Amino acid sequence: MLKWAILFLLIALIAGVFGFFGIVSAAVGIAKILFVVFLILFIVSLFFNKRSSH
């Protein structure tokens, strides 16, 4: 349990450093783009999976 607490502390510290330096806005933009790309890929894979099963 202590390992998890230390891991989350390190993640929080890294996120805090990024937040103070303004990298958050760039990360949000990248996350939005990746979300749309993976959503499109997911829908396409569902479509082709249905077509190939028939």
PDB file of N, CA and C in Angstrom:
ATOM      1  N   MET A   1       0.821  -1.191   0.000  1.00  0.00           N
ATOM      2  CA  MET A   1       0.000   0.000   0.000  1.00  0.00           C
ATOM      3  C   MET A   1       0.867   1.257   0.000  1.00  0.00           C
ATOM      4  N   LEU A   2       1.996   1.177   0.686  1.00  0.00           N
ATOM      5  CA  LEU A   2       2.909   2.318   0.730  1.00  0.00           C
ATOM      6  C   LEU A   2       3.490   2.603  -0.649  1.00  0.00           C
ATOM      7  N   LYS A   3       3.719   1.555  -1.425  1.00  0.00           N
ATOM      8  CA  LYS A   3       4.249   1.744  -2.786  1.00  0.00           C
ATOM      9  C   LYS A   3       3.269   2.537  -3.640  1.00  0.00           C
ATOM     10  N   TRP A   4       1.964   2.232  -3.497  1.00  0.00           N
ATOM     11  CA  TRP A   4       0.959   2.959  -4.256  1.00  0.00           C
ATOM     12  C   TRP A   4       0.903   4.426  -3.828  1.00  0.00           C
ATOM     13  N   ALA A   5       1.008   4.673  -2.550  1.00  0.00           N
ATOM     14  CA  ALA A   5       0.969   6.049  -2.050  1.00  0.00           C
ATOM     15  C   ALA A   5       2.152   6.848  -2.584  1.00  0.00           C
ATOM     16  N   ILE A   6       3.323   6.228  -2.595  1.00  0.00           N
ATOM     17  CA  ILE A   6       4.515   6.912  -3.114  1.00  0.00           C
ATOM     18  C   ILE A   6       4.377   7.151  -4.613  1.00  0.00           C
ATOM     19  N   LEU A   7       3.839   6.159  -5.332  1.00  0.00           N
ATOM     20  CA  LEU A   7       3.640   6.319  -6.772  1.00  0.00           C
ATOM     21  C   LEU A   7       2.699   7.477  -7.072  1.00  0.00           C
ATOM     22  N   PHE A   8       1.566   7.547  -6.343  1.00  0.00           N
ATOM     23  CA  PHE A   8       0.625   8.636  -6.575  1.00  0.00           C
ATOM     24  C   PHE A   8       1.202   9.982  -6.149  1.00  0.00           C
ATOM     25  N   LEU A   9       2.040   9.999  -5.141  1.00  0.00           N
ATOM     26  CA  LEU A   9       2.710  11.237  -4.751  1.00  0.00           C
ATOM     27  C   LEU A   9       3.618  11.724  -5.864  1.00  0.00           C
ATOM     28  N   LEU A  10       4.382  10.824  -6.456  1.00  0.00           N
ATOM     29  CA  LEU A  10       5.267  11.207  -7.560  1.00  0.00           C
ATOM     30  C   LEU A  10       4.474  11.693  -8.766  1.00  0.00           C
ATOM     31  N   ILE A  11       3.381  11.017  -9.078  1.00  0.00           N
ATOM     32  CA  ILE A  11       2.547  11.456 -10.203  1.00  0.00           C
ATOM     33  C   ILE A  11       1.963  12.836  -9.925  1.00  0.00           C
ATOM     34  N   ALA A  12       1.528  13.068  -8.706  1.00  0.00           N
ATOM     35  CA  ALA A  12       0.969  14.376  -8.353  1.00  0.00           C
ATOM     36  C   ALA A  12       2.029  15.472  -8.427  1.00  0.00           C
ATOM     37  N   LEU A  13       3.236  15.171  -7.992  1.00  0.00           N
ATOM     38  CA  LEU A  13       4.309  16.157  -8.072  1.00  0.00           C
ATOM     39  C   LEU A  13       4.658  16.487  -9.516  1.00  0.00           C
ATOM     40  N   ILE A  14       4.723  15.471 -10.349  1.00  0.00           N
ATOM     41  CA  ILE A  14       5.026  15.714 -11.768  1.00  0.00           C
ATOM     42  C   ILE A  14       3.912  16.528 -12.420  1.00  0.00           C
ATOM     43  N   ALA A  15       2.657  16.177 -12.120  1.00  0.00           N
ATOM     44  CA  ALA A  15       1.528  16.933 -12.673  1.00  0.00           C
ATOM     45  C   ALA A  15       1.548  18.379 -12.173  1.00  0.00           C
ATOM     46  N   GLY A  16       1.928  18.579 -10.924  1.00  0.00           N
ATOM     47  CA  GLY A  16       2.021  19.935 -10.384  1.00  0.00           C
ATOM     48  C   GLY A  16       3.092  20.759 -11.067  1.00  0.00           C
ATOM     49  N   VAL A  17       4.235  20.149 -11.324  1.00  0.00           N
ATOM     50  CA  VAL A  17       5.312  20.863 -12.031  1.00  0.00           C
ATOM     51  C   VAL A  17       4.864  21.243 -13.426  1.00  0.00           C
ATOM     52  N   PHE A  18       4.214  20.300 -14.136  1.00  0.00           N
ATOM     53  CA  PHE A  18       3.719  20.620 -15.473  1.00  0.00           C
ATOM     54  C   PHE A  18       2.671  21.723 -15.415  1.00  0.00           C
ATOM     55  N   GLY A  19       1.836  21.710 -14.412  1.00  0.00           N
ATOM     56  CA  GLY A  19       0.800  22.728 -14.281  1.00  0.00           C
ATOM     57  C   GLY A  19       1.370  24.111 -14.048  1.00  0.00           C
ATOM     58  N   PHE A  20       2.437  24.197 -13.288  1.00  0.00           N
ATOM     59  CA  PHE A  20       3.036  25.494 -13.011  1.00  0.00           C
ATOM     60  C   PHE A  20       3.739  26.078 -14.227  1.00  0.00           C
ATOM     61  N   PHE A  21       4.190  25.225 -15.135  1.00  0.00           N
ATOM     62  CA  PHE A  21       4.928  25.733 -16.289  1.00  0.00           C
ATOM     63  C   PHE A  21       4.071  25.884 -17.527  1.00  0.00           C
ATOM     64  N   GLY A  22       2.774  25.679 -17.437  1.00  0.00           N
ATOM     65  CA  GLY A  22       1.884  25.932 -18.566  1.00  0.00           C
ATOM     66  C   GLY A  22       1.869  24.833 -19.602  1.00  0.00           C
ATOM     67  N   ILE A  23       2.395  23.674 -19.283  1.00  0.00           N
ATOM     68  CA  ILE A  23       2.395  22.580 -20.241  1.00  0.00           C
ATOM     69  C   ILE A  23       1.010  21.938 -20.301  1.00  0.00           C
ATOM     70  N   VAL A  24       0.175  22.269 -19.335  1.00  0.00           N
ATOM     71  CA  VAL A  24      -1.150  21.655 -19.261  1.00  0.00           C
ATOM     72  C   VAL A  24      -1.964  21.968 -20.508  1.00  0.00           C
ATOM     73  N   SER A  25      -1.913  23.193 -20.979  1.00  0.00           N
ATOM     74  CA  SER A  25      -2.722  23.549 -22.146  1.00  0.00           C
ATOM     75  C   SER A  25      -2.290  22.757 -23.369  1.00  0.00           C
ATOM     76  N   ALA A  26      -1.007  22.533 -23.533  1.00  0.00           N
ATOM     77  CA  ALA A  26      -0.530  21.720 -24.652  1.00  0.00           C
ATOM     78  C   ALA A  26      -0.966  20.273 -24.478  1.00  0.00           C
ATOM     79  N   ALA A  27      -0.898  19.764 -23.262  1.00  0.00           N
ATOM     80  CA  ALA A  27      -1.296  18.374 -23.005  1.00  0.00           C
ATOM     81  C   ALA A  27      -2.795  18.182 -23.244  1.00  0.00           C
ATOM     82  N   VAL A  28      -3.602  19.178 -22.894  1.00  0.00           N
ATOM     83  CA  VAL A  28      -5.043  19.084 -23.121  1.00  0.00           C
ATOM     84  C   VAL A  28      -5.332  19.047 -24.615  1.00  0.00           C
ATOM     85  N   GLY A  29      -4.646  19.862 -25.376  1.00  0.00           N
ATOM     86  CA  GLY A  29      -4.832  19.857 -26.827  1.00  0.00           C
ATOM     87  C   GLY A  29      -4.467  18.520 -27.442  1.00  0.00           C
ATOM     88  N   ILE A  30      -3.346  17.964 -27.007  1.00  0.00           N
ATOM     89  CA  ILE A  30      -2.923  16.662 -27.515  1.00  0.00           C
ATOM     90  C   ILE A  30      -3.916  15.586 -27.099  1.00  0.00           C
ATOM     91  N   ALA A  31      -4.402  15.650 -25.867  1.00  0.00           N
ATOM     92  CA  ALA A  31      -5.362  14.655 -25.389  1.00  0.00           C
ATOM     93  C   ALA A  31      -6.662  14.709 -26.185  1.00  0.00           C
ATOM     94  N   LYS A  32      -7.117  15.904 -26.532  1.00  0.00           N
ATOM     95  CA  LYS A  32      -8.343  16.021 -27.318  1.00  0.00           C
ATOM     96  C   LYS A  32      -8.161  15.401 -28.696  1.00  0.00           C
ATOM     97  N   ILE A  33      -7.025  15.668 -29.327  1.00  0.00           N
ATOM     98  CA  ILE A  33      -6.751  15.109 -30.653  1.00  0.00           C
ATOM     99  C   ILE A  33      -6.676  13.592 -30.585  1.00  0.00           C
ATOM    100  N   LEU A  34      -5.957  13.068 -29.596  1.00  0.00           N
ATOM    101  CA  LEU A  34      -5.839  11.612 -29.461  1.00  0.00           C
ATOM    102  C   LEU A  34      -7.186  10.969 -29.166  1.00  0.00           C
ATOM    103  N   PHE A  35      -8.016  11.623 -28.375  1.00  0.00           N
ATOM    104  CA  PHE A  35      -9.340  11.089 -28.083  1.00  0.00           C
ATOM    105  C   PHE A  35     -10.161  10.949 -29.358  1.00  0.00           C
ATOM    106  N   VAL A  36     -10.146  11.966 -30.186  1.00  0.00           N
ATOM    107  CA  VAL A  36     -10.917  11.913 -31.430  1.00  0.00           C
ATOM    108  C   VAL A  36     -10.368  10.835 -32.355  1.00  0.00           C
ATOM    109  N   VAL A  37      -9.049  10.744 -32.474  1.00  0.00           N
ATOM    110  CA  VAL A  37      -8.439   9.738 -33.342  1.00  0.00           C
ATOM    111  C   VAL A  37      -8.795   8.335 -32.876  1.00  0.00           C
ATOM    112  N   PHE A  38      -8.663   8.062 -31.576  1.00  0.00           N
ATOM    113  CA  PHE A  38      -8.965   6.726 -31.078  1.00  0.00           C
ATOM    114  C   PHE A  38     -10.462   6.422 -31.139  1.00  0.00           C
ATOM    115  N   LEU A  39     -11.305   7.429 -30.983  1.00  0.00           N
ATOM    116  CA  LEU A  39     -12.740   7.220 -31.118  1.00  0.00           C
ATOM    117  C   LEU A  39     -13.085   6.822 -32.548  1.00  0.00           C
ATOM    118  N   ILE A  40     -12.495   7.507 -33.513  1.00  0.00           N
ATOM    119  CA  ILE A  40     -12.723   7.170 -34.922  1.00  0.00           C
ATOM    120  C   ILE A  40     -12.218   5.762 -35.221  1.00  0.00           C
ATOM    121  N   LEU A  41     -11.027   5.430 -34.740  1.00  0.00           N
ATOM    122  CA  LEU A  41     -10.490   4.090 -34.961  1.00  0.00           C
ATOM    123  C   LEU A  41     -11.376   3.025 -34.316  1.00  0.00           C
ATOM    124  N   PHE A  42     -11.917   3.311 -33.138  1.00  0.00           N
ATOM    125  CA  PHE A  42     -12.802   2.374 -32.463  1.00  0.00           C
ATOM    126  C   PHE A  42     -14.056   2.129 -33.292  1.00  0.00           C
ATOM    127  N   ILE A  43     -14.659   3.192 -33.793  1.00  0.00           N
ATOM    128  CA  ILE A  43     -15.891   3.054 -34.585  1.00  0.00           C
ATOM    129  C   ILE A  43     -15.606   2.303 -35.883  1.00  0.00           C
ATOM    130  N   VAL A  44     -14.488   2.608 -36.522  1.00  0.00           N
ATOM    131  CA  VAL A  44     -14.126   1.911 -37.751  1.00  0.00           C
ATOM    132  C   VAL A  44     -13.881   0.433 -37.485  1.00  0.00           C
ATOM    133  N   SER A  45     -13.207   0.109 -36.395  1.00  0.00           N
ATOM    134  CA  SER A  45     -12.944  -1.296 -36.085  1.00  0.00           C
ATOM    135  C   SER A  45     -14.240  -2.039 -35.770  1.00  0.00           C
ATOM    136  N   LEU A  46     -15.198  -1.385 -35.100  1.00  0.00           N
ATOM    137  CA  LEU A  46     -16.487  -2.009 -34.864  1.00  0.00           C
ATOM    138  C   LEU A  46     -17.221  -2.277 -36.169  1.00  0.00           C
ATOM    139  N   PHE A  47     -17.171  -1.321 -37.075  1.00  0.00           N
ATOM    140  CA  PHE A  47     -17.849  -1.459 -38.367  1.00  0.00           C
ATOM    141  C   PHE A  47     -17.257  -2.610 -39.159  1.00  0.00           C
ATOM    142  N   PHE A  48     -15.931  -2.674 -39.258  1.00  0.00           N
ATOM    143  CA  PHE A  48     -15.303  -3.725 -40.046  1.00  0.00           C
ATOM    144  C   PHE A  48     -15.411  -5.089 -39.352  1.00  0.00           C
ATOM    145  N   ASN A  49     -15.502  -5.102 -38.060  1.00  0.00           N
ATOM    146  CA  ASN A  49     -15.646  -6.360 -37.329  1.00  0.00           C
ATOM    147  C   ASN A  49     -17.049  -6.943 -37.588  1.00  0.00           C
ATOM    148  N   LYS A  50     -18.056  -6.087 -37.659  1.00  0.00           N
ATOM    149  CA  LYS A  50     -19.408  -6.559 -37.959  1.00  0.00           C
ATOM    150  C   LYS A  50     -19.496  -7.080 -39.397  1.00  0.00           C
ATOM    151  N   ARG A  51     -18.843  -6.393 -40.315  1.00  0.00           N
ATOM    152  CA  ARG A  51     -18.908  -6.794 -41.717  1.00  0.00           C
ATOM    153  C   ARG A  51     -18.183  -8.106 -41.962  1.00  0.00           C
ATOM    154  N   SER A  52     -17.080  -8.315 -41.268  1.00  0.00           N
ATOM    155  CA  SER A  52     -16.304  -9.538 -41.520  1.00  0.00           C
ATOM    156  C   SER A  52     -16.927 -10.762 -40.873  1.00  0.00           C
ATOM    157  N   SER A  53     -17.800 -10.579 -39.867  1.00  0.00           N
ATOM    158  CA  SER A  53     -18.393 -11.724 -39.177  1.00  0.00           C
ATOM    159  C   SER A  53     -19.560 -12.317 -39.961  1.00  0.00           C
ATOM    160  N   HIS A  54     -20.104 -11.592 -40.933  1.00  0.00           N
ATOM    161  CA  HIS A  54     -21.239 -12.118 -41.703  1.00  0.00           C
ATOM    162  C   HIS A  54     -20.789 -12.781 -42.957  1.00  0.00           C
TER     163      HIS A  54
END
